[in-house]
Structure formats: structure tokens, C-alpha cells
Amino acid sequence: MTFRQAMRSVFSKYAVFTGRASRSEFWWFALLQAIVTLGVAIIASAITGDGSNRVAGAVLQLVACLALLLPGLAVLVRRLHDANYSGRFALLLLIPFVGGVFVLIFALLPSAPVGGTSDLPVALLETEAGSAPFISTP
């Protein structure tokens, strides 16, 4: 999956917590988050220069963080599904230090074929014209 495909996938499913996300999709989005965070930090430091306008820099960083929060959580949950773990393991991030390490390890694991249990049910994928053509039902 290329960077462009990953960004299209992540932002088209920015609030979808079901289904799966490949490792490449997850890590391309992690790279985007790092680049945006670094860029916003540089811009914020340029704005605050002498320290007289710290509020503007903090607001800019807060807006960037909030803009990437929901898509980041969604792609993390889908990545956990792809590795055949519950999306609730993302709550480990609330445990200082150790939780982030565990989530990182889970995100590094390869895709599991049985991770399909987190995919959407066939009934949700049906369109108005009938069932989706790529799904075979018994």
C-alpha cells in the first residue's frame, strides 16, 4: 500500500472502528502524524519566537492534535483487529509508559487470517441494489 492509498483509506474511514487496517496503512499514518506534529511544533516555535505569544502556538498544536486524534484511534483499533486482538486493547494507552509499549508490540505483529472476525457482517455491507458482489453468502 502506498502513502497516498493509506491516507485515502484512513481519512475515508476516519471514524470507522470496525474492519481491519494493514500494517502499512497504520505505519504510513503514523509517519503522517509524526510529520504533522514536527511541522506544527516548528511553526508554533516560530510564532512564539520570543515567548510573548505562547497561547497561539499552544492553540495551533492543540488543533493539530485533535484533528488527528479520531483517525489515529480508528486506524489503531482496525490494526489491532487485523492482528486478531480486540480493539479494546487500545485502552492500554491509558497506562503510562507500559501501555504504549504493549500497543506498539501489538501494532508490529503481522496480520492474522482469523482477524476477519472483526470485519463487518454481510448484512451491513449490503447495498440498496442487493448484496455486495464481492461477498458470497451460503
Protein backbone atom coordinates (compact mmCIF):
# COMPACT_ATOMS: atom_id res chain seq x y z
CA MET A 1 0.00 0.00 0.00
CA THR A 2 1.41 3.38 -0.98
CA PHE A 3 1.32 6.52 1.14
CA ARG A 4 -1.47 8.01 -0.95
CA GLN A 5 -3.59 4.85 -0.75
CA ALA A 6 -3.07 4.66 3.00
CA MET A 7 -4.10 8.28 3.54
CA ARG A 8 -7.16 7.84 1.33
CA SER A 9 -8.13 4.75 3.31
CA VAL A 10 -7.54 6.28 6.74
CA PHE A 11 -9.35 9.53 6.07
CA SER A 12 -12.25 7.89 4.25
CA LYS A 13 -12.73 5.69 7.33
CA TYR A 14 -11.67 8.28 9.91
CA ALA A 15 -14.38 7.24 12.40
CA VAL A 16 -14.80 3.57 11.48
CA PHE A 17 -13.74 1.28 14.30
CA THR A 18 -14.72 -1.98 12.60
CA GLY A 19 -12.82 -3.88 9.97
CA ARG A 20 -9.10 -4.18 9.51
CA ALA A 21 -6.09 -1.98 8.71
CA SER A 22 -2.88 -3.38 7.30
CA ARG A 23 0.48 -2.71 8.88
CA SER A 24 1.45 -0.43 6.02
CA GLU A 25 -1.74 1.62 6.39
CA PHE A 26 -1.12 2.02 10.12
CA TRP A 27 2.56 2.94 9.80
CA TRP A 28 2.04 5.35 6.89
CA PHE A 29 -0.49 7.17 9.08
CA ALA A 30 1.97 7.12 12.00
CA LEU A 31 4.53 8.76 9.71
CA LEU A 32 1.99 11.41 8.72
CA GLN A 33 1.27 12.10 12.40
CA ALA A 34 4.98 12.49 13.13
CA ILE A 35 5.50 14.85 10.18
CA VAL A 36 2.46 16.96 11.08
CA THR A 37 3.49 17.10 14.74
CA LEU A 38 7.02 18.16 13.84
CA GLY A 39 5.79 20.74 11.33
CA VAL A 40 3.30 22.23 13.79
CA ALA A 41 5.97 22.35 16.51
CA ILE A 42 8.30 24.25 14.17
CA ILE A 43 5.55 26.67 13.16
CA ALA A 44 4.50 27.13 16.80
CA SER A 45 8.05 27.90 17.86
CA ALA A 46 8.34 30.41 15.01
CA ILE A 47 5.09 32.06 16.11
CA THR A 48 6.10 32.22 19.75
CA GLY A 49 9.71 33.25 18.93
CA ASP A 50 10.44 35.46 21.94
CA GLY A 51 7.84 33.77 24.14
CA SER A 52 5.32 36.60 24.04
CA ASN A 53 2.69 34.68 22.07
CA ARG A 54 2.71 31.20 23.64
CA VAL A 55 -1.07 30.85 23.54
CA ALA A 56 -1.19 30.96 19.74
CA GLY A 57 1.40 28.19 19.46
CA ALA A 58 -0.39 26.06 22.04
CA VAL A 59 -3.72 26.51 20.26
CA LEU A 60 -2.15 25.53 16.94
CA GLN A 61 -0.68 22.36 18.47
CA LEU A 62 -3.99 21.52 20.17
CA VAL A 63 -5.91 21.87 16.89
CA ALA A 64 -3.46 19.60 15.05
CA CYS A 65 -3.59 17.02 17.85
CA LEU A 66 -7.39 16.98 17.91
CA ALA A 67 -7.58 16.77 14.11
CA LEU A 68 -5.50 13.58 14.09
CA LEU A 69 -6.88 12.00 17.28
CA LEU A 70 -10.02 10.30 15.92
CA PRO A 71 -8.46 8.94 12.70
CA GLY A 72 -5.46 7.77 14.73
CA LEU A 73 -7.60 5.87 17.22
CA ALA A 74 -9.72 4.38 14.44
CA VAL A 75 -6.73 3.09 12.46
CA LEU A 76 -5.18 1.72 15.68
CA VAL A 77 -8.34 -0.21 16.54
CA ARG A 78 -8.57 -1.56 12.99
CA ARG A 79 -4.87 -2.53 13.15
CA LEU A 80 -5.49 -4.42 16.39
CA HIS A 81 -8.40 -6.21 14.68
CA ASP A 82 -6.09 -7.16 11.82
CA ALA A 83 -3.68 -8.77 14.29
CA ASN A 84 -6.67 -10.60 15.81
CA TYR A 85 -6.86 -8.59 19.02
CA SER A 86 -9.79 -6.72 20.45
CA GLY A 87 -9.89 -3.01 19.74
CA ARG A 88 -10.25 -2.52 23.47
CA PHE A 89 -6.53 -3.16 23.77
CA ALA A 90 -6.17 0.46 22.61
CA LEU A 91 -7.23 1.39 26.14
CA LEU A 92 -3.80 0.17 27.26
CA LEU A 93 -2.56 3.56 26.07
CA LEU A 94 -4.10 4.99 29.24
CA ILE A 95 -1.47 3.16 31.32
CA PRO A 96 1.60 5.41 31.50
CA PHE A 97 4.77 4.11 29.82
CA VAL A 98 3.98 0.38 29.81
CA GLY A 99 0.67 0.65 27.94
CA GLY A 100 2.26 2.35 24.95
CA VAL A 101 4.92 -0.36 24.74
CA PHE A 102 2.29 -3.11 24.68
CA VAL A 103 0.25 -1.34 21.99
CA LEU A 104 3.43 -0.82 19.94
CA ILE A 105 4.18 -4.54 20.14
CA PHE A 106 0.61 -5.40 19.08
CA ALA A 107 0.86 -2.96 16.15
CA LEU A 108 4.10 -4.59 14.98
CA LEU A 109 2.57 -8.07 14.81
CA PRO A 110 1.73 -9.48 11.37
CA SER A 111 -1.80 -9.79 10.07
CA ALA A 112 -3.72 -12.83 11.25
CA PRO A 113 -6.09 -14.59 8.85
CA VAL A 114 -8.52 -15.17 11.71
CA GLY A 115 -8.62 -11.39 12.24
CA GLY A 116 -11.56 -11.44 9.83
CA THR A 117 -13.83 -11.97 12.82
CA SER A 118 -13.70 -8.18 13.25
CA ASP A 119 -14.91 -7.49 9.72
CA LEU A 120 -18.35 -6.09 9.15
CA PRO A 121 -21.21 -8.56 8.95
CA VAL A 122 -22.62 -9.25 5.49
CA ALA A 123 -25.93 -7.53 6.39
CA LEU A 124 -24.13 -4.21 6.91
CA LEU A 125 -22.34 -4.44 3.58
CA GLU A 126 -25.47 -4.93 1.51
CA THR A 127 -26.44 -2.10 -0.75
CA GLU A 128 -29.85 -0.93 -1.89
CA ALA A 129 -29.43 -2.83 -5.14
CA GLY A 130 -28.88 -6.12 -3.31
CA SER A 131 -25.95 -7.82 -1.75
CA ALA A 132 -22.45 -6.66 -2.43
CA PRO A 133 -20.98 -8.54 -5.43
CA PHE A 134 -17.75 -9.50 -3.67
CA ILE A 135 -19.45 -11.37 -0.80
CA SER A 136 -20.70 -14.87 -1.16
CA THR A 137 -23.41 -15.89 1.27
CA PRO A 138 -24.30 -19.51 1.99
